[in-house]
PDB file of N, CA and C in Angstrom:
ATOM      1  N   MET A   1       1.056  -1.154  -0.340  1.00  0.00           N
ATOM      2  CA  MET A   1       0.117   0.163   0.306  1.00  0.00           C
ATOM      3  C   MET A   1       0.878   1.120  -0.299  1.00  0.00           C
ATOM      4  N   LEU A   2       0.493   2.166  -0.737  1.00  0.00           N
ATOM      5  CA  LEU A   2       1.669   3.399  -1.099  1.00  0.00           C
ATOM      6  C   LEU A   2       0.483   4.859  -0.431  1.00  0.00           C
ATOM      7  N   ILE A   3       0.778   5.258   0.778  1.00  0.00           N
ATOM      8  CA  ILE A   3       0.031   6.575   1.193  1.00  0.00           C
ATOM      9  C   ILE A   3       1.272   7.988   0.992  1.00  0.00           C
ATOM     10  N   ARG A   4       0.432   8.653   0.398  1.00  0.00           N
ATOM     11  CA  ARG A   4       1.023   9.864  -0.024  1.00  0.00           C
ATOM     12  C   ARG A   4       0.893  10.804   1.333  1.00  0.00           C
ATOM     13  N   GLY A   5       1.899  11.333   1.562  1.00  0.00           N
ATOM     14  CA  GLY A   5       1.956  13.115   2.294  1.00  0.00           C
ATOM     15  C   GLY A   5       1.969  13.929   1.001  1.00  0.00           C
ATOM     16  N   GLU A   6       2.400  15.024   1.699  1.00  0.00           N
ATOM     17  CA  GLU A   6       2.065  16.268   0.646  1.00  0.00           C
ATOM     18  C   GLU A   6       3.319  16.422  -0.778  1.00  0.00           C
ATOM     19  N   ASP A   7       4.790  16.127  -0.123  1.00  0.00           N
ATOM     20  CA  ASP A   7       6.028  15.736  -0.517  1.00  0.00           C
ATOM     21  C   ASP A   7       6.391  14.370  -0.483  1.00  0.00           C
ATOM     22  N   SER A   8       5.808  13.255  -0.035  1.00  0.00           N
ATOM     23  CA  SER A   8       6.659  12.036   0.338  1.00  0.00           C
ATOM     24  C   SER A   8       5.696  11.108   0.023  1.00  0.00           C
ATOM     25  N   ALA A   9       6.402   9.758   0.038  1.00  0.00           N
ATOM     26  CA  ALA A   9       5.274   8.667  -0.442  1.00  0.00           C
ATOM     27  C   ALA A   9       5.930   7.712   0.874  1.00  0.00           C
ATOM     28  N   ILE A  10       5.000   6.915   1.729  1.00  0.00           N
ATOM     29  CA  ILE A  10       5.378   5.617   2.536  1.00  0.00           C
ATOM     30  C   ILE A  10       5.158   4.535   1.847  1.00  0.00           C
ATOM     31  N   ASP A  11       5.623   3.538   1.810  1.00  0.00           N
ATOM     32  CA  ASP A  11       5.583   2.230   1.288  1.00  0.00           C
ATOM     33  C   ASP A  11       5.200   1.458   2.924  1.00  0.00           C
ATOM     34  N   LEU A  12       3.933   0.961   3.100  1.00  0.00           N
ATOM     35  CA  LEU A  12       3.707   0.303   4.080  1.00  0.00           C
ATOM     36  C   LEU A  12       2.838  -1.196   3.577  1.00  0.00           C
ATOM     37  N   PRO A  13       3.283  -2.420   4.310  1.00  0.00           N
ATOM     38  CA  PRO A  13       2.965  -3.888   4.062  1.00  0.00           C
ATOM     39  C   PRO A  13       1.010  -3.578   4.556  1.00  0.00           C
ATOM     40  N   SER A  14       0.827  -4.481   3.636  1.00  0.00           N
ATOM     41  CA  SER A  14      -0.745  -4.537   3.884  1.00  0.00           C
ATOM     42  C   SER A  14      -0.830  -5.417   5.358  1.00  0.00           C
ATOM     43  N   THR A  15      -1.512  -5.231   6.321  1.00  0.00           N
ATOM     44  CA  THR A  15      -2.281  -6.033   7.270  1.00  0.00           C
ATOM     45  C   THR A  15      -3.137  -7.286   6.995  1.00  0.00           C
ATOM     46  N   LEU A  16      -3.928  -7.054   5.632  1.00  0.00           N
ATOM     47  CA  LEU A  16      -5.241  -7.346   5.080  1.00  0.00           C
ATOM     48  C   LEU A  16      -4.319  -9.046   4.399  1.00  0.00           C
ATOM     49  N   THR A  17      -5.294  -9.521   4.534  1.00  0.00           N
ATOM     50  CA  THR A  17      -4.994 -11.191   3.820  1.00  0.00           C
ATOM     51  C   THR A  17      -5.578 -10.606   2.304  1.00  0.00           C
ATOM     52  N   GLU A  18      -5.334 -11.865   1.370  1.00  0.00           N
ATOM     53  CA  GLU A  18      -5.790 -11.198  -0.026  1.00  0.00           C
ATOM     54  C   GLU A  18      -6.862 -11.474  -0.066  1.00  0.00           C
ATOM     55  N   ALA A  19      -7.523 -12.445   0.365  1.00  0.00           N
ATOM     56  CA  ALA A  19      -9.580 -12.937   0.903  1.00  0.00           C
ATOM     57  C   ALA A  19     -10.094 -11.320   1.782  1.00  0.00           C
ATOM     58  N   GLU A  20      -9.540 -11.251   2.562  1.00  0.00           N
ATOM     59  CA  GLU A  20      -9.840  -9.661   3.220  1.00  0.00           C
ATOM     60  C   GLU A  20      -9.928  -8.649   2.632  1.00  0.00           C
ATOM     61  N   LYS A  21      -8.617  -8.513   1.721  1.00  0.00           N
ATOM     62  CA  LYS A  21      -9.084  -7.456   0.966  1.00  0.00           C
ATOM     63  C   LYS A  21      -9.894  -7.535  -0.253  1.00  0.00           C
ATOM     64  N   TRP A  22      -9.806  -8.454  -0.687  1.00  0.00           N
ATOM     65  CA  TRP A  22     -10.716  -8.810  -1.763  1.00  0.00           C
ATOM     66  C   TRP A  22     -12.477  -8.332  -0.932  1.00  0.00           C
ATOM     67  N   HIS A  23     -12.769  -8.808   0.241  1.00  0.00           N
ATOM     68  CA  HIS A  23     -13.787  -9.075   0.834  1.00  0.00           C
ATOM     69  C   HIS A  23     -14.751  -7.455   1.185  1.00  0.00           C
ATOM     70  N   TYR A  24     -13.440  -6.494   1.587  1.00  0.00           N
ATOM     71  CA  TYR A  24     -13.385  -5.555   1.839  1.00  0.00           C
ATOM     72  C   TYR A  24     -13.956  -4.639   0.723  1.00  0.00           C
ATOM     73  N   ASP A  25     -12.936  -4.734  -0.674  1.00  0.00           N
ATOM     74  CA  ASP A  25     -13.084  -4.060  -2.187  1.00  0.00           C
ATOM     75  C   ASP A  25     -14.823  -4.408  -2.364  1.00  0.00           C
ATOM     76  N   LEU A  26     -15.487  -5.124  -2.144  1.00  0.00           N
ATOM     77  CA  LEU A  26     -16.178  -6.008  -2.623  1.00  0.00           C
ATOM     78  C   LEU A  26     -17.282  -5.186  -1.700  1.00  0.00           C
ATOM     79  N   PHE A  27     -17.793  -5.418  -0.793  1.00  0.00           N
ATOM     80  CA  PHE A  27     -18.964  -5.229   0.158  1.00  0.00           C
ATOM     81  C   PHE A  27     -18.456  -3.636   1.293  1.00  0.00           C
ATOM     82  N   GLY A  28     -17.513  -3.604   1.737  1.00  0.00           N
ATOM     83  CA  GLY A  28     -16.879  -1.927   2.076  1.00  0.00           C
ATOM     84  C   GLY A  28     -17.470  -2.492   3.791  1.00  0.00           C
ATOM     85  N   TYR A  29     -16.968  -3.720   4.181  1.00  0.00           N
ATOM     86  CA  TYR A  29     -16.447  -3.782   5.806  1.00  0.00           C
ATOM     87  C   TYR A  29     -16.165  -5.177   5.903  1.00  0.00           C
ATOM     88  N   LEU A  30     -15.748  -5.939   6.673  1.00  0.00           N
ATOM     89  CA  LEU A  30     -14.958  -6.916   7.375  1.00  0.00           C
ATOM     90  C   LEU A  30     -15.514  -7.204   8.674  1.00  0.00           C
ATOM     91  N   VAL A  31     -15.267  -8.355   8.741  1.00  0.00           N
ATOM     92  CA  VAL A  31     -15.645  -9.234  10.227  1.00  0.00           C
ATOM     93  C   VAL A  31     -15.479  -9.999  10.646  1.00  0.00           C
ATOM     94  N   LEU A  32     -14.802  -9.877  11.836  1.00  0.00           N
ATOM     95  CA  LEU A  32     -13.288 -10.727  12.386  1.00  0.00           C
ATOM     96  C   LEU A  32     -14.381 -11.263  13.525  1.00  0.00           C
ATOM     97  N   ARG A  33     -14.107 -12.580  13.374  1.00  0.00           N
ATOM     98  CA  ARG A  33     -14.714 -13.562  14.643  1.00  0.00           C
ATOM     99  C   ARG A  33     -13.858 -13.858  15.763  1.00  0.00           C
ATOM    100  N   GLN A  34     -14.436 -14.041  16.677  1.00  0.00           N
ATOM    101  CA  GLN A  34     -13.568 -14.367  17.859  1.00  0.00           C
ATOM    102  C   GLN A  34     -12.946 -13.632  18.211  1.00  0.00           C
ATOM    103  N   VAL A  35     -13.003 -12.432  18.556  1.00  0.00           N
ATOM    104  CA  VAL A  35     -11.962 -11.548  18.588  1.00  0.00           C
ATOM    105  C   VAL A  35     -12.166 -11.096  20.264  1.00  0.00           C
ATOM    106  N   VAL A  36     -13.473 -11.231  20.583  1.00  0.00           N
ATOM    107  CA  VAL A  36     -13.749 -11.070  22.059  1.00  0.00           C
ATOM    108  C   VAL A  36     -14.846 -12.110  22.388  1.00  0.00           C
ATOM    109  N   SER A  37     -15.069 -12.376  23.589  1.00  0.00           N
ATOM    110  CA  SER A  37     -15.632 -13.330  24.366  1.00  0.00           C
ATOM    111  C   SER A  37     -17.203 -12.653  24.657  1.00  0.00           C
ATOM    112  N   PRO A  38     -18.039 -13.734  24.424  1.00  0.00           N
ATOM    113  CA  PRO A  38     -19.463 -13.722  24.750  1.00  0.00           C
ATOM    114  C   PRO A  38     -19.879 -12.596  25.877  1.00  0.00           C
ATOM    115  N   ALA A  39     -18.560 -12.791  26.984  1.00  0.00           N
ATOM    116  CA  ALA A  39     -19.287 -12.512  27.914  1.00  0.00           C
ATOM    117  C   ALA A  39     -18.709 -10.964  27.892  1.00  0.00           C
ATOM    118  N   GLU A  40     -17.483 -10.626  27.435  1.00  0.00           N
ATOM    119  CA  GLU A  40     -16.697  -9.239  27.153  1.00  0.00           C
ATOM    120  C   GLU A  40     -18.337  -8.647  26.084  1.00  0.00           C
ATOM    121  N   VAL A  41     -18.925  -9.081  25.324  1.00  0.00           N
ATOM    122  CA  VAL A  41     -19.883  -8.287  24.654  1.00  0.00           C
ATOM    123  C   VAL A  41     -21.128  -8.147  25.778  1.00  0.00           C
ATOM    124  N   GLU A  42     -21.574  -8.917  25.913  1.00  0.00           N
ATOM    125  CA  GLU A  42     -22.458  -8.518  27.039  1.00  0.00           C
ATOM    126  C   GLU A  42     -22.519  -7.580  28.240  1.00  0.00           C
ATOM    127  N   GLN A  43     -20.940  -7.353  28.436  1.00  0.00           N
ATOM    128  CA  GLN A  43     -20.387  -6.935  29.664  1.00  0.00           C
ATOM    129  C   GLN A  43     -20.510  -5.107  28.946  1.00  0.00           C
ATOM    130  N   MET A  44     -20.099  -5.165  27.299  1.00  0.00           N
ATOM    131  CA  MET A  44     -19.776  -3.913  26.599  1.00  0.00           C
ATOM    132  C   MET A  44     -21.133  -3.403  26.472  1.00  0.00           C
ATOM    133  N   LEU A  45     -22.679  -4.620  26.022  1.00  0.00           N
ATOM    134  CA  LEU A  45     -23.251  -3.974  25.789  1.00  0.00           C
ATOM    135  C   LEU A  45     -24.244  -3.174  27.151  1.00  0.00           C
ATOM    136  N   GLU A  46     -24.174  -3.878  28.096  1.00  0.00           N
ATOM    137  CA  GLU A  46     -24.760  -3.487  29.689  1.00  0.00           C
ATOM    138  C   GLU A  46     -24.251  -2.455  29.908  1.00  0.00           C
ATOM    139  N   ILE A  47     -23.395  -2.040  30.180  1.00  0.00           N
ATOM    140  CA  ILE A  47     -22.446  -0.324  30.230  1.00  0.00           C
ATOM    141  C   ILE A  47     -22.924   0.673  29.176  1.00  0.00           C
ATOM    142  N   ALA A  48     -23.025   0.323  27.764  1.00  0.00           N
ATOM    143  CA  ALA A  48     -23.259   1.175  26.850  1.00  0.00           C
ATOM    144  C   ALA A  48     -25.253   1.663  26.852  1.00  0.00           C
ATOM    145  N   ASN A  49     -25.308   0.687  27.136  1.00  0.00           N
ATOM    146  CA  ASN A  49     -27.047   0.507  27.406  1.00  0.00           C
ATOM    147  C   ASN A  49     -27.646   1.454  29.021  1.00  0.00           C
ATOM    148  N   ARG A  50     -26.783   1.497  29.793  1.00  0.00           N
ATOM    149  CA  ARG A  50     -26.317   2.302  30.928  1.00  0.00           C
ATOM    150  C   ARG A  50     -26.252   3.903  30.869  1.00  0.00           C
ATOM    151  N   TRP A  51     -25.212   4.099  29.906  1.00  0.00           N
ATOM    152  CA  TRP A  51     -24.921   5.266  29.394  1.00  0.00           C
ATOM    153  C   TRP A  51     -26.021   5.880  28.638  1.00  0.00           C
ATOM    154  N   PHE A  52     -26.545   5.180  27.767  1.00  0.00           N
ATOM    155  CA  PHE A  52     -27.706   5.768  26.752  1.00  0.00           C
ATOM    156  C   PHE A  52     -28.871   6.152  27.747  1.00  0.00           C
ATOM    157  N   ALA A  53     -29.115   5.316  28.705  1.00  0.00           N
ATOM    158  CA  ALA A  53     -30.232   5.384  29.556  1.00  0.00           C
ATOM    159  C   ALA A  53     -29.690   6.613  30.388  1.00  0.00           C
ATOM    160  N   HIS A  54     -28.746   6.959  31.146  1.00  0.00           N
ATOM    161  CA  HIS A  54     -28.512   7.652  31.623  1.00  0.00           C
ATOM    162  C   HIS A  54     -27.100   8.504  31.351  1.00  0.00           C
ATOM    163  N   PRO A  55     -27.065   9.405  30.383  1.00  0.00           N
ATOM    164  CA  PRO A  55     -26.030  10.064  29.839  1.00  0.00           C
ATOM    165  C   PRO A  55     -25.229  10.905  31.203  1.00  0.00           C
ATOM    166  N   GLU A  56     -25.920  11.300  32.073  1.00  0.00           N
ATOM    167  CA  GLU A  56     -25.692  12.160  32.699  1.00  0.00           C
ATOM    168  C   GLU A  56     -24.290  11.926  33.797  1.00  0.00           C
ATOM    169  N   VAL A  57     -24.208  10.514  33.772  1.00  0.00           N
ATOM    170  CA  VAL A  57     -23.578   9.492  34.875  1.00  0.00           C
ATOM    171  C   VAL A  57     -22.043   9.119  33.880  1.00  0.00           C
ATOM    172  N   VAL A  58     -21.851   9.619  32.743  1.00  0.00           N
ATOM    173  CA  VAL A  58     -21.187   8.870  31.639  1.00  0.00           C
ATOM    174  C   VAL A  58     -19.918   9.669  31.957  1.00  0.00           C
ATOM    175  N   PRO A  59     -18.850   8.965  32.372  1.00  0.00           N
ATOM    176  CA  PRO A  59     -17.564   9.493  33.150  1.00  0.00           C
ATOM    177  C   PRO A  59     -16.663  10.649  31.332  1.00  0.00           C
ATOM    178  N   GLU A  60     -15.850  11.252  32.070  1.00  0.00           N
ATOM    179  CA  GLU A  60     -15.823  12.359  30.732  1.00  0.00           C
ATOM    180  C   GLU A  60     -14.263  11.101  30.333  1.00  0.00           C
ATOM    181  N   PRO A  61     -14.041  11.555  28.986  1.00  0.00           N
ATOM    182  CA  PRO A  61     -14.575  12.214  28.201  1.00  0.00           C
ATOM    183  C   PRO A  61     -15.644  11.588  27.426  1.00  0.00           C
ATOM    184  N   VAL A  62     -15.923  10.419  28.248  1.00  0.00           N
ATOM    185  CA  VAL A  62     -17.428   9.780  27.102  1.00  0.00           C
ATOM    186  C   VAL A  62     -18.063  10.926  26.854  1.00  0.00           C
ATOM    187  N   ASN A  63     -18.712  10.721  25.495  1.00  0.00           N
ATOM    188  CA  ASN A  63     -19.526  11.468  25.268  1.00  0.00           C
ATOM    189  C   ASN A  63     -21.098  10.927  23.947  1.00  0.00           C
ATOM    190  N   VAL A  64     -21.981  10.855  24.748  1.00  0.00           N
ATOM    191  CA  VAL A  64     -23.080  10.414  24.338  1.00  0.00           C
ATOM    192  C   VAL A  64     -24.018  11.292  23.334  1.00  0.00           C
ATOM    193  N   THR A  65     -24.513  10.974  22.004  1.00  0.00           N
ATOM    194  CA  THR A  65     -25.275  11.620  20.835  1.00  0.00           C
ATOM    195  C   THR A  65     -26.386  10.354  21.109  1.00  0.00           C
ATOM    196  N   GLN A  66     -27.760  11.219  21.051  1.00  0.00           N
ATOM    197  CA  GLN A  66     -28.720  10.667  20.467  1.00  0.00           C
ATOM    198  C   GLN A  66     -29.688  11.078  20.285  1.00  0.00           C
ATOM    199  N   ASP A  67     -30.634  10.313  19.264  1.00  0.00           N
ATOM    200  CA  ASP A  67     -31.722  10.993  18.968  1.00  0.00           C
ATOM    201  C   ASP A  67     -32.968   9.886  19.044  1.00  0.00           C
ATOM    202  N   GLU A  68     -33.993  10.200  18.281  1.00  0.00           N
ATOM    203  CA  GLU A  68     -35.259   9.051  18.569  1.00  0.00           C
ATOM    204  C   GLU A  68     -34.616   7.724  18.258  1.00  0.00           C
ATOM    205  N   TYR A  69     -34.061   7.209  17.305  1.00  0.00           N
ATOM    206  CA  TYR A  69     -33.910   6.055  16.536  1.00  0.00           C
ATOM    207  C   TYR A  69     -32.520   5.571  16.981  1.00  0.00           C
ATOM    208  N   SER A  70     -31.527   6.370  17.808  1.00  0.00           N
ATOM    209  CA  SER A  70     -30.285   5.541  17.037  1.00  0.00           C
ATOM    210  C   SER A  70     -29.103   6.028  18.622  1.00  0.00           C
ATOM    211  N   GLY A  71     -28.150   6.027  18.159  1.00  0.00           N
ATOM    212  CA  GLY A  71     -27.032   6.682  19.691  1.00  0.00           C
ATOM    213  C   GLY A  71     -25.721   6.418  19.190  1.00  0.00           C
ATOM    214  N   VAL A  72     -25.002   7.400  19.387  1.00  0.00           N
ATOM    215  CA  VAL A  72     -23.125   6.650  19.392  1.00  0.00           C
ATOM    216  C   VAL A  72     -22.927   7.348  20.745  1.00  0.00           C
ATOM    217  N   LEU A  73     -21.582   6.836  20.841  1.00  0.00           N
ATOM    218  CA  LEU A  73     -21.041   6.406  22.177  1.00  0.00           C
ATOM    219  C   LEU A  73     -19.164   7.123  21.376  1.00  0.00           C
ATOM    220  N   ASN A  74     -19.059   8.390  22.160  1.00  0.00           N
ATOM    221  CA  ASN A  74     -17.287   8.620  21.645  1.00  0.00           C
ATOM    222  C   ASN A  74     -16.642   8.486  22.674  1.00  0.00           C
ATOM    223  N   ASN A  75     -15.078   8.140  22.466  1.00  0.00           N
ATOM    224  CA  ASN A  75     -14.196   8.044  23.493  1.00  0.00           C
ATOM    225  C   ASN A  75     -14.258   6.945  24.816  1.00  0.00           C
ATOM    226  N   VAL A  76     -15.384   5.862  24.314  1.00  0.00           N
ATOM    227  CA  VAL A  76     -15.375   4.477  25.267  1.00  0.00           C
ATOM    228  C   VAL A  76     -14.778   4.430  25.911  1.00  0.00           C
ATOM    229  N   HIS A  77     -13.149   4.042  25.036  1.00  0.00           N
ATOM    230  CA  HIS A  77     -11.757   3.115  26.309  1.00  0.00           C
ATOM    231  C   HIS A  77     -11.639   4.351  27.027  1.00  0.00           C
ATOM    232  N   TYR A  78     -12.030   5.087  27.434  1.00  0.00           N
ATOM    233  CA  TYR A  78     -11.856   6.316  28.336  1.00  0.00           C
ATOM    234  C   TYR A  78     -12.772   6.127  29.558  1.00  0.00           C
ATOM    235  N   GLY A  79     -13.666   5.043  29.282  1.00  0.00           N
ATOM    236  CA  GLY A  79     -15.109   5.204  30.179  1.00  0.00           C
ATOM    237  C   GLY A  79     -15.022   3.840  30.814  1.00  0.00           C
ATOM    238  N   ASP A  80     -14.462   2.947  30.249  1.00  0.00           N
ATOM    239  CA  ASP A  80     -14.778   1.749  31.385  1.00  0.00           C
ATOM    240  C   ASP A  80     -13.073   0.923  30.448  1.00  0.00           C
ATOM    241  N   ARG A  81     -12.476  -0.031  31.384  1.00  0.00           N
ATOM    242  CA  ARG A  81     -11.696  -0.873  31.264  1.00  0.00           C
ATOM    243  C   ARG A  81     -11.565  -2.138  30.232  1.00  0.00           C
ATOM    244  N   ILE A  82     -12.970  -2.463  30.367  1.00  0.00           N
ATOM    245  CA  ILE A  82     -13.435  -3.549  29.177  1.00  0.00           C
ATOM    246  C   ILE A  82     -12.902  -2.918  27.713  1.00  0.00           C
ATOM    247  N   PHE A  83     -13.700  -1.263  27.325  1.00  0.00           N
ATOM    248  CA  PHE A  83     -13.555  -0.983  25.900  1.00  0.00           C
ATOM    249  C   PHE A  83     -11.795  -0.808  25.810  1.00  0.00           C
ATOM    250  N   GLU A  84     -11.338  -0.345  26.661  1.00  0.00           N
ATOM    251  CA  GLU A  84      -9.627   0.342  26.416  1.00  0.00           C
ATOM    252  C   GLU A  84      -9.174  -1.296  26.200  1.00  0.00           C
ATOM    253  N   ARG A  85      -9.400  -1.995  26.490  1.00  0.00           N
ATOM    254  CA  ARG A  85      -8.912  -3.252  26.079  1.00  0.00           C
ATOM    255  C   ARG A  85      -9.165  -3.778  24.946  1.00  0.00           C
ATOM    256  N   LEU A  86     -10.242  -3.723  24.551  1.00  0.00           N
ATOM    257  CA  LEU A  86     -11.065  -3.709  22.857  1.00  0.00           C
ATOM    258  C   LEU A  86      -9.930  -2.977  22.209  1.00  0.00           C
ATOM    259  N   SER A  87      -9.636  -1.755  22.373  1.00  0.00           N
ATOM    260  CA  SER A  87      -9.335  -0.764  21.703  1.00  0.00           C
ATOM    261  C   SER A  87      -7.478  -1.348  21.980  1.00  0.00           C
ATOM    262  N   LEU A  88      -6.819  -1.997  22.451  1.00  0.00           N
ATOM    263  CA  LEU A  88      -5.628  -2.714  22.441  1.00  0.00           C
ATOM    264  C   LEU A  88      -5.896  -4.042  22.194  1.00  0.00           C
ATOM    265  N   ASN A  89      -6.398  -4.627  21.919  1.00  0.00           N
ATOM    266  CA  ASN A  89      -6.879  -5.922  21.049  1.00  0.00           C
ATOM    267  C   ASN A  89      -5.609  -6.215  19.711  1.00  0.00           C
ATOM    268  N   GLU A  90      -4.940  -7.212  19.927  1.00  0.00           N
ATOM    269  CA  GLU A  90      -4.057  -7.172  18.654  1.00  0.00           C
ATOM    270  C   GLU A  90      -4.523  -7.941  17.584  1.00  0.00           C
ATOM    271  N   LYS A  91      -5.868  -8.625  17.857  1.00  0.00           N
ATOM    272  CA  LYS A  91      -6.774  -9.363  16.509  1.00  0.00           C
ATOM    273  C   LYS A  91      -7.443  -8.063  15.719  1.00  0.00           C
ATOM    274  N   ALA A  92      -7.772  -6.943  16.337  1.00  0.00           N
ATOM    275  CA  ALA A  92      -8.682  -6.037  16.212  1.00  0.00           C
ATOM    276  C   ALA A  92      -7.830  -4.840  15.274  1.00  0.00           C
ATOM    277  N   LEU A  93      -6.274  -4.736  16.055  1.00  0.00           N
ATOM    278  CA  LEU A  93      -5.334  -3.482  15.318  1.00  0.00           C
ATOM    279  C   LEU A  93      -5.204  -3.944  14.162  1.00  0.00           C
ATOM    280  N   ARG A  94      -4.545  -4.913  14.069  1.00  0.00           N
ATOM    281  CA  ARG A  94      -4.563  -5.905  12.362  1.00  0.00           C
ATOM    282  C   ARG A  94      -5.038  -5.040  11.565  1.00  0.00           C
ATOM    283  N   ILE A  95      -6.519  -4.656  11.997  1.00  0.00           N
ATOM    284  CA  ILE A  95      -7.431  -4.236  10.824  1.00  0.00           C
ATOM    285  C   ILE A  95      -7.677  -3.061  10.770  1.00  0.00           C
ATOM    286  N   VAL A  96      -7.750  -2.521  12.493  1.00  0.00           N
ATOM    287  CA  VAL A  96      -8.291  -1.080  12.657  1.00  0.00           C
ATOM    288  C   VAL A  96      -7.502  -0.417  12.059  1.00  0.00           C
ATOM    289  N   ASN A  97      -6.009  -0.509  12.385  1.00  0.00           N
ATOM    290  CA  ASN A  97      -4.411   0.006  11.749  1.00  0.00           C
ATOM    291  C   ASN A  97      -4.590   0.469  10.550  1.00  0.00           C
ATOM    292  N   TYR A  98      -5.071  -0.561   9.803  1.00  0.00           N
ATOM    293  CA  TYR A  98      -5.329  -0.083   8.072  1.00  0.00           C
ATOM    294  C   TYR A  98      -5.737   0.958   8.008  1.00  0.00           C
ATOM    295  N   PRO A  99      -4.893   1.702   6.916  1.00  0.00           N
ATOM    296  CA  PRO A  99      -5.043   2.935   6.882  1.00  0.00           C
ATOM    297  C   PRO A  99      -6.487   3.815   6.643  1.00  0.00           C
ATOM    298  N   SER A 100      -7.071   2.804   5.458  1.00  0.00           N
ATOM    299  CA  SER A 100      -8.843   3.003   5.332  1.00  0.00           C
ATOM    300  C   SER A 100      -9.755   2.460   5.657  1.00  0.00           C
ATOM    301  N   LEU A 101      -9.395   1.574   7.126  1.00  0.00           N
ATOM    302  CA  LEU A 101     -10.021   1.651   7.925  1.00  0.00           C
ATOM    303  C   LEU A 101     -10.465   2.299   8.987  1.00  0.00           C
ATOM    304  N   LYS A 102     -11.517   2.841   9.262  1.00  0.00           N
ATOM    305  CA  LYS A 102     -11.738   3.764  10.546  1.00  0.00           C
ATOM    306  C   LYS A 102     -12.623   3.449  11.161  1.00  0.00           C
ATOM    307  N   THR A 103     -13.265   2.718  11.036  1.00  0.00           N
ATOM    308  CA  THR A 103     -14.631   2.396  12.766  1.00  0.00           C
ATOM    309  C   THR A 103     -14.924   0.958  13.083  1.00  0.00           C
ATOM    310  N   TRP A 104     -15.427   0.631  14.136  1.00  0.00           N
ATOM    311  CA  TRP A 104     -15.671  -0.522  14.025  1.00  0.00           C
ATOM    312  C   TRP A 104     -16.603  -0.878  14.742  1.00  0.00           C
ATOM    313  N   ALA A 105     -17.476  -1.815  14.774  1.00  0.00           N
ATOM    314  CA  ALA A 105     -18.583  -1.897  15.742  1.00  0.00           C
ATOM    315  C   ALA A 105     -19.050  -3.397  16.428  1.00  0.00           C
ATOM    316  N   CYS A 106     -19.330  -3.599  17.347  1.00  0.00           N
ATOM    317  CA  CYS A 106     -19.541  -4.905  18.323  1.00  0.00           C
ATOM    318  C   CYS A 106     -20.869  -5.299  18.369  1.00  0.00           C
ATOM    319  N   ASP A 107     -21.307  -6.424  18.096  1.00  0.00           N
ATOM    320  CA  ASP A 107     -22.738  -7.049  17.986  1.00  0.00           C
ATOM    321  C   ASP A 107     -22.636  -8.524  19.185  1.00  0.00           C
ATOM    322  N   ARG A 108     -23.542  -8.983  19.313  1.00  0.00           N
ATOM    323  CA  ARG A 108     -23.940  -9.953  20.163  1.00  0.00           C
ATOM    324  C   ARG A 108     -23.066 -11.223  19.799  1.00  0.00           C
ATOM    325  N   GLN A 109     -22.776 -11.277  18.294  1.00  0.00           N
ATOM    326  CA  GLN A 109     -22.325 -12.664  17.937  1.00  0.00           C
ATOM    327  C   GLN A 109     -21.019 -12.639  18.122  1.00  0.00           C
ATOM    328  N   THR A 110     -20.077 -11.463  18.884  1.00  0.00           N
ATOM    329  CA  THR A 110     -18.866 -11.629  19.125  1.00  0.00           C
ATOM    330  C   THR A 110     -18.022 -11.566  18.332  1.00  0.00           C
ATOM    331  N   GLU A 111     -18.733 -10.668  17.131  1.00  0.00           N
ATOM    332  CA  GLU A 111     -17.393 -10.418  15.928  1.00  0.00           C
ATOM    333  C   GLU A 111     -17.130  -8.851  16.064  1.00  0.00           C
ATOM    334  N   ILE A 112     -16.082  -8.566  15.354  1.00  0.00           N
ATOM    335  CA  ILE A 112     -16.111  -6.971  15.046  1.00  0.00           C
ATOM    336  C   ILE A 112     -16.305  -6.792  13.786  1.00  0.00           C
ATOM    337  N   THR A 113     -17.265  -6.161  13.620  1.00  0.00           N
ATOM    338  CA  THR A 113     -17.624  -5.674  11.781  1.00  0.00           C
ATOM    339  C   THR A 113     -16.714  -4.210  11.386  1.00  0.00           C
ATOM    340  N   VAL A 114     -15.738  -4.189  10.815  1.00  0.00           N
ATOM    341  CA  VAL A 114     -14.710  -3.358  10.064  1.00  0.00           C
ATOM    342  C   VAL A 114     -15.968  -2.376   9.275  1.00  0.00           C
ATOM    343  N   ARG A 115     -16.174  -0.913   8.946  1.00  0.00           N
ATOM    344  CA  ARG A 115     -16.981  -0.318   7.838  1.00  0.00           C
ATOM    345  C   ARG A 115     -16.371   0.849   7.270  1.00  0.00           C
ATOM    346  N   ARG A 116     -16.402   0.867   6.444  1.00  0.00           N
ATOM    347  CA  ARG A 116     -15.822   2.326   6.056  1.00  0.00           C
ATOM    348  C   ARG A 116     -16.683   3.372   6.122  1.00  0.00           C
ATOM    349  N   VAL A 117     -15.838   4.479   6.396  1.00  0.00           N
ATOM    350  CA  VAL A 117     -16.498   5.734   7.031  1.00  0.00           C
ATOM    351  C   VAL A 117     -17.108   6.525   6.070  1.00  0.00           C
TER     352      VAL A 117
END
């Protein structure tokens, strides 16, 4: 992969497999299986649901943004150790550090989905 700056270019090795590159190019997302345990996912969901229900008690600098049908939590890795551990998970970082991949989401099937921004 070639990343260009203002007046230089850096050649970085890709951390994605050929199959992952193909899937991401075709569908715009990746699914990483068995990155976190089902118990960790349940704990993260419990914390996130508590923060959405009571945004006034969310620790700084976590930020809660909600509307009628959706919500976003920003800076969660500062709010609880379980999110900090996820942000440092080697299996996730292999993908998240890929320059064109910027966001990820966790669901109940203990998968991390990486999506285009």
